[in-house]
Amino acid sequence: MSPDATPADVAAWMLSEYQKETVLYQDTAAGEIAARFGNSFVYENANGNLALSAPVLTAFRKISGDDVVWSKSERYWRAREKGDVPGRNQP
C-alpha cells in the first residue's frame, strides 16, 4: 500500500491499466485501488458496490481526456465510439 499516494497517483495508475486493454471496470479498479493505495480512495455506494472517490474521478477525467467515456450500464470506462452521445457519460 502507498501511504503517501494522492488522487493523481491513483488516476495515473487507472490510466495505465485502462491503456493495457482500452477498458477499465470499476469493480476491478476499486478493489485494486483499495489494496494498492488504501481505502481512502474508495467507498461503498448505495448499491453496495465499491466505488471511487470524487477526487480520484476528477483526476482521472483530467488526464484521460475526451477519448475515454464512462458506460453507466456496464460500469466501466472504455474508448469513445462513433455512435456515442456527447459528453463523458454513456448509457
N, C-alpha and C. Protein backbone atom coordinates (compact mmCIF):
# COMPACT_ATOMS: atom_id res chain seq x y z
N MET A 1 0.85 -1.18 0.00
CA MET A 1 0.00 0.00 0.00
C MET A 1 0.89 1.24 0.00
N SER A 2 0.42 2.28 -0.67
CA SER A 2 1.17 3.53 -0.78
C SER A 2 0.55 4.58 0.14
N PRO A 3 1.11 4.76 1.34
CA PRO A 3 0.52 5.70 2.30
C PRO A 3 0.57 7.16 1.87
N ASP A 4 1.49 7.51 1.00
CA ASP A 4 1.63 8.90 0.56
C ASP A 4 0.95 9.17 -0.79
N ALA A 5 0.16 8.24 -1.26
CA ALA A 5 -0.48 8.37 -2.57
C ALA A 5 -1.49 9.51 -2.57
N THR A 6 -1.66 10.09 -3.74
CA THR A 6 -2.62 11.17 -3.95
C THR A 6 -3.66 10.71 -4.98
N PRO A 7 -4.78 11.43 -5.10
CA PRO A 7 -5.73 11.08 -6.15
C PRO A 7 -5.08 11.07 -7.54
N ALA A 8 -4.13 11.96 -7.78
CA ALA A 8 -3.43 11.99 -9.07
C ALA A 8 -2.63 10.70 -9.28
N ASP A 9 -2.03 10.18 -8.23
CA ASP A 9 -1.30 8.91 -8.34
C ASP A 9 -2.24 7.77 -8.70
N VAL A 10 -3.38 7.75 -8.05
CA VAL A 10 -4.38 6.71 -8.31
C VAL A 10 -4.89 6.83 -9.75
N ALA A 11 -5.17 8.06 -10.19
CA ALA A 11 -5.64 8.28 -11.55
C ALA A 11 -4.60 7.85 -12.58
N ALA A 12 -3.34 8.12 -12.30
CA ALA A 12 -2.27 7.70 -13.22
C ALA A 12 -2.23 6.18 -13.32
N TRP A 13 -2.40 5.49 -12.20
CA TRP A 13 -2.45 4.03 -12.23
C TRP A 13 -3.65 3.56 -13.05
N MET A 14 -4.80 4.20 -12.83
CA MET A 14 -6.01 3.84 -13.59
C MET A 14 -5.80 4.00 -15.09
N LEU A 15 -5.19 5.11 -15.50
CA LEU A 15 -4.94 5.35 -16.92
C LEU A 15 -4.02 4.28 -17.49
N SER A 16 -3.01 3.92 -16.74
CA SER A 16 -2.09 2.87 -17.17
C SER A 16 -2.83 1.55 -17.37
N GLU A 17 -3.69 1.21 -16.43
CA GLU A 17 -4.48 -0.02 -16.53
C GLU A 17 -5.45 0.05 -17.70
N TYR A 18 -6.09 1.18 -17.88
CA TYR A 18 -7.01 1.38 -19.00
C TYR A 18 -6.29 1.18 -20.33
N GLN A 19 -5.11 1.74 -20.46
CA GLN A 19 -4.37 1.69 -21.72
C GLN A 19 -3.95 0.27 -22.10
N LYS A 20 -3.86 -0.62 -21.14
CA LYS A 20 -3.49 -2.01 -21.45
C LYS A 20 -4.56 -2.71 -22.28
N GLU A 21 -5.83 -2.44 -21.99
CA GLU A 21 -6.94 -3.16 -22.64
C GLU A 21 -7.96 -2.23 -23.29
N THR A 22 -7.82 -0.94 -23.13
CA THR A 22 -8.77 0.11 -23.53
C THR A 22 -10.13 -0.06 -22.87
N VAL A 23 -10.16 -0.74 -21.73
CA VAL A 23 -11.33 -0.79 -20.86
C VAL A 23 -10.82 -0.87 -19.42
N LEU A 24 -11.65 -0.38 -18.50
CA LEU A 24 -11.32 -0.48 -17.08
C LEU A 24 -12.62 -0.59 -16.31
N TYR A 25 -12.85 -1.74 -15.71
CA TYR A 25 -14.07 -1.98 -14.95
C TYR A 25 -13.95 -1.38 -13.56
N GLN A 26 -15.00 -0.70 -13.13
CA GLN A 26 -14.99 -0.05 -11.82
C GLN A 26 -14.75 -1.05 -10.69
N ASP A 27 -15.42 -2.19 -10.72
CA ASP A 27 -15.26 -3.19 -9.65
C ASP A 27 -13.81 -3.61 -9.51
N THR A 28 -13.19 -3.92 -10.63
CA THR A 28 -11.79 -4.35 -10.63
C THR A 28 -10.89 -3.22 -10.14
N ALA A 29 -11.09 -2.03 -10.71
CA ALA A 29 -10.25 -0.89 -10.35
C ALA A 29 -10.38 -0.55 -8.87
N ALA A 30 -11.61 -0.51 -8.37
CA ALA A 30 -11.83 -0.13 -6.97
C ALA A 30 -11.16 -1.12 -6.02
N GLY A 31 -11.27 -2.39 -6.30
CA GLY A 31 -10.62 -3.40 -5.45
C GLY A 31 -9.11 -3.26 -5.47
N GLU A 32 -8.55 -3.07 -6.65
CA GLU A 32 -7.10 -2.89 -6.78
C GLU A 32 -6.63 -1.61 -6.11
N ILE A 33 -7.40 -0.55 -6.27
CA ILE A 33 -7.03 0.73 -5.66
C ILE A 33 -7.03 0.62 -4.14
N ALA A 34 -8.04 -0.02 -3.59
CA ALA A 34 -8.08 -0.21 -2.13
C ALA A 34 -6.86 -0.97 -1.65
N ALA A 35 -6.49 -2.01 -2.38
CA ALA A 35 -5.33 -2.83 -1.99
C ALA A 35 -4.01 -2.10 -2.18
N ARG A 36 -3.88 -1.37 -3.29
CA ARG A 36 -2.61 -0.70 -3.62
C ARG A 36 -2.41 0.64 -2.91
N PHE A 37 -3.51 1.40 -2.81
CA PHE A 37 -3.40 2.78 -2.35
C PHE A 37 -4.13 3.08 -1.05
N GLY A 38 -5.03 2.19 -0.64
CA GLY A 38 -5.75 2.40 0.62
C GLY A 38 -7.22 2.70 0.42
N ASN A 39 -7.97 2.51 1.48
CA ASN A 39 -9.42 2.67 1.44
C ASN A 39 -9.89 4.12 1.34
N SER A 40 -8.99 5.07 1.53
CA SER A 40 -9.42 6.47 1.47
C SER A 40 -9.79 6.90 0.05
N PHE A 41 -9.47 6.09 -0.94
CA PHE A 41 -9.76 6.44 -2.33
C PHE A 41 -11.00 5.74 -2.87
N VAL A 42 -11.65 4.93 -2.03
CA VAL A 42 -12.85 4.20 -2.43
C VAL A 42 -13.91 4.31 -1.34
N TYR A 43 -15.14 3.95 -1.69
CA TYR A 43 -16.22 3.91 -0.71
C TYR A 43 -17.26 2.91 -1.20
N GLU A 44 -18.16 2.52 -0.34
CA GLU A 44 -19.26 1.64 -0.72
C GLU A 44 -20.45 2.51 -1.08
N ASN A 45 -20.93 2.38 -2.32
CA ASN A 45 -22.05 3.21 -2.76
C ASN A 45 -23.39 2.66 -2.27
N ALA A 46 -24.47 3.33 -2.62
CA ALA A 46 -25.81 2.96 -2.15
C ALA A 46 -26.23 1.57 -2.59
N ASN A 47 -25.65 1.08 -3.68
CA ASN A 47 -25.97 -0.26 -4.18
C ASN A 47 -25.09 -1.34 -3.57
N GLY A 48 -24.20 -0.92 -2.67
CA GLY A 48 -23.31 -1.88 -2.03
C GLY A 48 -22.07 -2.21 -2.84
N ASN A 49 -21.82 -1.45 -3.90
CA ASN A 49 -20.64 -1.67 -4.73
C ASN A 49 -19.50 -0.76 -4.28
N LEU A 50 -18.29 -1.25 -4.43
CA LEU A 50 -17.13 -0.43 -4.16
C LEU A 50 -16.98 0.57 -5.31
N ALA A 51 -16.87 1.84 -4.98
CA ALA A 51 -16.79 2.90 -5.98
C ALA A 51 -15.59 3.80 -5.67
N LEU A 52 -15.26 4.66 -6.63
CA LEU A 52 -14.10 5.53 -6.50
C LEU A 52 -14.50 6.89 -5.94
N SER A 53 -13.64 7.46 -5.13
CA SER A 53 -13.90 8.76 -4.53
C SER A 53 -13.92 9.85 -5.60
N ALA A 54 -14.62 10.93 -5.31
CA ALA A 54 -14.75 12.05 -6.25
C ALA A 54 -13.39 12.63 -6.66
N PRO A 55 -12.44 12.83 -5.72
CA PRO A 55 -11.15 13.37 -6.15
C PRO A 55 -10.41 12.47 -7.14
N VAL A 56 -10.55 11.16 -6.99
CA VAL A 56 -9.92 10.22 -7.93
C VAL A 56 -10.58 10.34 -9.30
N LEU A 57 -11.91 10.39 -9.32
CA LEU A 57 -12.62 10.51 -10.59
C LEU A 57 -12.28 11.81 -11.30
N THR A 58 -12.19 12.89 -10.55
CA THR A 58 -11.83 14.18 -11.13
C THR A 58 -10.44 14.13 -11.75
N ALA A 59 -9.50 13.55 -11.03
CA ALA A 59 -8.13 13.44 -11.54
C ALA A 59 -8.08 12.55 -12.78
N PHE A 60 -8.84 11.46 -12.77
CA PHE A 60 -8.86 10.55 -13.92
C PHE A 60 -9.47 11.23 -15.14
N ARG A 61 -10.56 11.96 -14.95
CA ARG A 61 -11.18 12.70 -16.05
C ARG A 61 -10.17 13.65 -16.68
N LYS A 62 -9.45 14.33 -15.83
CA LYS A 62 -8.49 15.34 -16.30
C LYS A 62 -7.39 14.73 -17.17
N ILE A 63 -6.86 13.59 -16.75
CA ILE A 63 -5.73 13.02 -17.51
C ILE A 63 -6.16 12.10 -18.65
N SER A 64 -7.39 11.61 -18.62
CA SER A 64 -7.80 10.67 -19.67
C SER A 64 -8.43 11.36 -20.88
N GLY A 65 -8.86 12.59 -20.73
CA GLY A 65 -9.36 13.35 -21.86
C GLY A 65 -10.72 12.89 -22.37
N ASP A 66 -11.09 13.41 -23.53
CA ASP A 66 -12.41 13.16 -24.10
C ASP A 66 -12.53 11.83 -24.82
N ASP A 67 -11.44 11.13 -25.02
CA ASP A 67 -11.48 9.86 -25.74
C ASP A 67 -11.87 8.68 -24.87
N VAL A 68 -12.00 8.91 -23.57
CA VAL A 68 -12.42 7.86 -22.64
C VAL A 68 -13.80 8.23 -22.11
N VAL A 69 -14.73 7.28 -22.17
CA VAL A 69 -16.09 7.52 -21.69
C VAL A 69 -16.45 6.51 -20.61
N TRP A 70 -17.46 6.87 -19.82
CA TRP A 70 -17.97 6.01 -18.76
C TRP A 70 -19.26 5.37 -19.25
N SER A 71 -19.30 4.04 -19.28
CA SER A 71 -20.50 3.31 -19.63
C SER A 71 -21.25 3.00 -18.34
N LYS A 72 -22.31 3.76 -18.09
CA LYS A 72 -23.04 3.63 -16.83
C LYS A 72 -23.67 2.25 -16.67
N SER A 73 -24.25 1.74 -17.73
CA SER A 73 -24.94 0.44 -17.63
C SER A 73 -23.98 -0.71 -17.37
N GLU A 74 -22.78 -0.62 -17.90
CA GLU A 74 -21.79 -1.69 -17.73
C GLU A 74 -20.79 -1.40 -16.61
N ARG A 75 -20.80 -0.16 -16.11
CA ARG A 75 -19.90 0.28 -15.03
C ARG A 75 -18.42 0.08 -15.39
N TYR A 76 -18.05 0.64 -16.54
CA TYR A 76 -16.64 0.61 -16.93
C TYR A 76 -16.31 1.78 -17.84
N TRP A 77 -15.02 2.09 -17.90
CA TRP A 77 -14.52 3.12 -18.81
C TRP A 77 -14.07 2.41 -20.07
N ARG A 78 -14.32 3.06 -21.19
CA ARG A 78 -13.95 2.49 -22.49
C ARG A 78 -13.62 3.62 -23.46
N ALA A 79 -13.08 3.24 -24.61
CA ALA A 79 -12.77 4.23 -25.64
C ALA A 79 -14.06 4.75 -26.26
N ARG A 80 -14.05 6.03 -26.60
CA ARG A 80 -15.19 6.64 -27.27
C ARG A 80 -15.40 5.97 -28.62
N GLU A 81 -16.67 5.73 -28.94
CA GLU A 81 -17.04 5.13 -30.22
C GLU A 81 -17.81 6.12 -31.06
N LYS A 82 -17.87 5.88 -32.35
CA LYS A 82 -18.50 6.81 -33.29
C LYS A 82 -19.94 7.16 -32.91
N GLY A 83 -20.73 6.23 -32.45
CA GLY A 83 -22.14 6.47 -32.14
C GLY A 83 -22.42 7.00 -30.75
N ASP A 84 -21.41 7.29 -29.96
CA ASP A 84 -21.61 7.76 -28.59
C ASP A 84 -22.26 9.15 -28.57
N VAL A 85 -23.05 9.38 -27.53
CA VAL A 85 -23.64 10.70 -27.33
C VAL A 85 -22.55 11.64 -26.83
N PRO A 86 -22.73 12.95 -27.00
CA PRO A 86 -21.73 13.89 -26.50
C PRO A 86 -21.57 13.76 -24.98
N GLY A 87 -20.41 14.08 -24.50
CA GLY A 87 -20.13 14.03 -23.07
C GLY A 87 -19.45 12.73 -22.66
N ARG A 88 -19.09 12.70 -21.40
CA ARG A 88 -18.33 11.58 -20.85
C ARG A 88 -19.21 10.38 -20.54
N ASN A 89 -20.41 10.63 -20.01
CA ASN A 89 -21.28 9.55 -19.57
C ASN A 89 -22.11 9.00 -20.71
N GLN A 90 -22.08 7.69 -20.84
CA GLN A 90 -22.84 6.99 -21.86
C GLN A 90 -23.86 6.08 -21.20
N PRO A 91 -24.97 5.83 -21.88
CA PRO A 91 -25.99 4.95 -21.28
C PRO A 91 -25.48 3.53 -21.03
